[in-house]
Amino acid sequence: MAHMREKKHPKMEEIEITDIMYGLSDPARVEIVRLIAQAGKPLTCGELNCDRPKSSMSHHFKILRDTGIIETSIEGKEHLNSLRSTEIEKKFPGILKSILKNIL
């Protein structure tokens, strides 16, 4: 099995509610979160391109990582993106469920 690496992610104790709200303040990022939530499994960047340029999507993935919403692990050439749902729910009970309920 290929070795999996992870990109740098903030610790959940460093994340504030305003970070989560900022991360979800752009329609492209909301769409990324919706697609991952619907899939119920990590998705590659290619599966989440949302018909936008790669440079634009890289920017959105970085913001979602920096705000603590997604976690990206690297397996070979694939970047697998997953929601940090459990961690977010533990720190901010109900926030992600409430947001997802309105976009799924």
C-alpha atoms as a PDB file:
ATOM      1  CA  MET A   1       0.000   0.000   0.000  1.00  0.00           C
ATOM      2  CA  ALA A   2       1.293   3.450  -0.864  1.00  0.00           C
ATOM      3  CA  HIS A   3       2.457   5.674   1.951  1.00  0.00           C
ATOM      4  CA  MET A   4      -0.054   8.398   2.797  1.00  0.00           C
ATOM      5  CA  ARG A   5       1.141  11.867   3.685  1.00  0.00           C
ATOM      6  CA  GLU A   6      -0.931  14.720   4.972  1.00  0.00           C
ATOM      7  CA  LYS A   7      -0.810  18.391   4.228  1.00  0.00           C
ATOM      8  CA  LYS A   8      -0.419  20.764   7.160  1.00  0.00           C
ATOM      9  CA  HIS A   9      -3.685  21.293   9.019  1.00  0.00           C
ATOM     10  CA  PRO A  10      -4.454  23.525  11.993  1.00  0.00           C
ATOM     11  CA  LYS A  11      -5.238  21.880  15.309  1.00  0.00           C
ATOM     12  CA  MET A  12      -8.946  22.077  16.080  1.00  0.00           C
ATOM     13  CA  GLU A  13      -8.236  24.003  19.292  1.00  0.00           C
ATOM     14  CA  GLU A  14      -6.764  26.771  17.097  1.00  0.00           C
ATOM     15  CA  ILE A  15      -9.949  27.051  15.018  1.00  0.00           C
ATOM     16  CA  GLU A  16     -12.530  29.714  15.881  1.00  0.00           C
ATOM     17  CA  ILE A  17     -16.161  29.846  14.774  1.00  0.00           C
ATOM     18  CA  THR A  18     -15.255  32.813  12.554  1.00  0.00           C
ATOM     19  CA  ASP A  19     -12.767  30.568  10.705  1.00  0.00           C
ATOM     20  CA  ILE A  20     -15.530  28.084   9.906  1.00  0.00           C
ATOM     21  CA  MET A  21     -17.827  30.873   8.735  1.00  0.00           C
ATOM     22  CA  TYR A  22     -15.092  32.404   6.567  1.00  0.00           C
ATOM     23  CA  GLY A  23     -14.308  29.007   5.059  1.00  0.00           C
ATOM     24  CA  LEU A  24     -17.935  28.656   4.032  1.00  0.00           C
ATOM     25  CA  SER A  25     -18.362  32.248   2.812  1.00  0.00           C
ATOM     26  CA  ASP A  26     -17.703  31.409  -0.854  1.00  0.00           C
ATOM     27  CA  PRO A  27     -20.130  29.442  -3.053  1.00  0.00           C
ATOM     28  CA  ALA A  28     -17.299  27.344  -4.536  1.00  0.00           C
ATOM     29  CA  ARG A  29     -16.189  26.228  -1.061  1.00  0.00           C
ATOM     30  CA  VAL A  30     -19.768  25.470  -0.024  1.00  0.00           C
ATOM     31  CA  GLU A  31     -20.067  23.322  -3.159  1.00  0.00           C
ATOM     32  CA  ILE A  32     -16.855  21.434  -2.270  1.00  0.00           C
ATOM     33  CA  VAL A  33     -18.152  20.752   1.255  1.00  0.00           C
ATOM     34  CA  ARG A  34     -21.550  19.685  -0.113  1.00  0.00           C
ATOM     35  CA  LEU A  35     -19.969  17.233  -2.568  1.00  0.00           C
ATOM     36  CA  ILE A  36     -17.735  15.650   0.091  1.00  0.00           C
ATOM     37  CA  ALA A  37     -20.653  15.412   2.536  1.00  0.00           C
ATOM     38  CA  GLN A  38     -22.899  13.833  -0.109  1.00  0.00           C
ATOM     39  CA  ALA A  39     -20.233  11.302  -1.079  1.00  0.00           C
ATOM     40  CA  GLY A  40     -19.709  10.290   2.540  1.00  0.00           C
ATOM     41  CA  LYS A  41     -16.067   9.494   1.742  1.00  0.00           C
ATOM     42  CA  PRO A  42     -12.884  11.379   0.840  1.00  0.00           C
ATOM     43  CA  LEU A  43     -12.859  12.740  -2.707  1.00  0.00           C
ATOM     44  CA  THR A  44      -9.942  13.618  -4.949  1.00  0.00           C
ATOM     45  CA  CYS A  45      -9.347  17.155  -6.171  1.00  0.00           C
ATOM     46  CA  GLY A  46     -10.327  15.987  -9.662  1.00  0.00           C
ATOM     47  CA  GLU A  47     -13.698  14.774  -8.384  1.00  0.00           C
ATOM     48  CA  LEU A  48     -14.233  18.212  -6.842  1.00  0.00           C
ATOM     49  CA  ASN A  49     -13.150  20.499  -9.672  1.00  0.00           C
ATOM     50  CA  CYS A  50     -16.611  22.117  -9.903  1.00  0.00           C
ATOM     51  CA  ASP A  51     -15.782  23.229 -13.480  1.00  0.00           C
ATOM     52  CA  ARG A  52     -13.350  25.833 -12.176  1.00  0.00           C
ATOM     53  CA  PRO A  53      -9.672  26.373 -13.059  1.00  0.00           C
ATOM     54  CA  LYS A  54      -7.186  24.268 -11.095  1.00  0.00           C
ATOM     55  CA  SER A  55      -5.518  27.379  -9.633  1.00  0.00           C
ATOM     56  CA  SER A  56      -8.859  28.626  -8.331  1.00  0.00           C
ATOM     57  CA  MET A  57      -9.676  25.246  -6.809  1.00  0.00           C
ATOM     58  CA  SER A  58      -6.236  25.009  -5.155  1.00  0.00           C
ATOM     59  CA  HIS A  59      -6.969  28.349  -3.491  1.00  0.00           C
ATOM     60  CA  HIS A  60     -10.344  27.103  -2.206  1.00  0.00           C
ATOM     61  CA  PHE A  61      -8.875  23.821  -0.916  1.00  0.00           C
ATOM     62  CA  LYS A  62      -6.176  25.782   0.941  1.00  0.00           C
ATOM     63  CA  ILE A  63      -8.759  28.020   2.606  1.00  0.00           C
ATOM     64  CA  LEU A  64     -10.898  25.024   3.578  1.00  0.00           C
ATOM     65  CA  ARG A  65      -7.810  23.352   5.083  1.00  0.00           C
ATOM     66  CA  ASP A  66      -6.611  26.523   6.838  1.00  0.00           C
ATOM     67  CA  THR A  67     -10.046  27.097   8.381  1.00  0.00           C
ATOM     68  CA  GLY A  68     -10.186  23.507   9.674  1.00  0.00           C
ATOM     69  CA  ILE A  69     -13.105  22.349   7.531  1.00  0.00           C
ATOM     70  CA  ILE A  70     -11.332  19.740   5.415  1.00  0.00           C
ATOM     71  CA  GLU A  71      -8.331  17.501   5.781  1.00  0.00           C
ATOM     72  CA  THR A  72      -6.255  16.551   2.760  1.00  0.00           C
ATOM     73  CA  SER A  73      -4.149  13.416   2.700  1.00  0.00           C
ATOM     74  CA  ILE A  74      -1.865  12.494  -0.158  1.00  0.00           C
ATOM     75  CA  GLU A  75      -1.771   8.960  -1.542  1.00  0.00           C
ATOM     76  CA  GLY A  76       0.598   8.698  -4.481  1.00  0.00           C
ATOM     77  CA  LYS A  77      -0.445  11.473  -6.858  1.00  0.00           C
ATOM     78  CA  GLU A  78      -3.964  11.744  -5.440  1.00  0.00           C
ATOM     79  CA  HIS A  79      -5.012  14.359  -2.908  1.00  0.00           C
ATOM     80  CA  LEU A  80      -7.937  12.977  -0.899  1.00  0.00           C
ATOM     81  CA  ASN A  81     -10.156  15.560   0.775  1.00  0.00           C
ATOM     82  CA  SER A  82     -12.415  14.730   3.701  1.00  0.00           C
ATOM     83  CA  LEU A  83     -14.543  16.795   6.071  1.00  0.00           C
ATOM     84  CA  ARG A  84     -13.372  17.152   9.652  1.00  0.00           C
ATOM     85  CA  SER A  85     -17.004  16.634  10.699  1.00  0.00           C
ATOM     86  CA  THR A  86     -16.373  14.797  13.962  1.00  0.00           C
ATOM     87  CA  GLU A  87     -13.835  17.344  15.186  1.00  0.00           C
ATOM     88  CA  ILE A  88     -15.963  20.322  14.137  1.00  0.00           C
ATOM     89  CA  GLU A  89     -19.062  18.795  15.757  1.00  0.00           C
ATOM     90  CA  LYS A  90     -17.162  18.246  19.004  1.00  0.00           C
ATOM     91  CA  LYS A  91     -15.949  21.871  19.168  1.00  0.00           C
ATOM     92  CA  PHE A  92     -18.992  23.595  17.623  1.00  0.00           C
ATOM     93  CA  PRO A  93     -21.968  21.268  18.245  1.00  0.00           C
ATOM     94  CA  GLY A  94     -24.556  21.424  15.490  1.00  0.00           C
ATOM     95  CA  ILE A  95     -22.865  23.981  13.233  1.00  0.00           C
ATOM     96  CA  LEU A  96     -21.864  21.702  10.385  1.00  0.00           C
ATOM     97  CA  LYS A  97     -25.092  19.688  10.587  1.00  0.00           C
ATOM     98  CA  SER A  98     -27.088  22.909  10.411  1.00  0.00           C
ATOM     99  CA  ILE A  99     -25.141  24.201   7.427  1.00  0.00           C
ATOM    100  CA  LEU A 100     -25.203  20.860   5.601  1.00  0.00           C
ATOM    101  CA  LYS A 101     -28.922  20.450   6.221  1.00  0.00           C
ATOM    102  CA  ASN A 102     -29.490  23.577   4.149  1.00  0.00           C
ATOM    103  CA  ILE A 103     -27.241  22.585   1.209  1.00  0.00           C
ATOM    104  CA  LEU A 104     -27.706  18.825   0.803  1.00  0.00           C
END
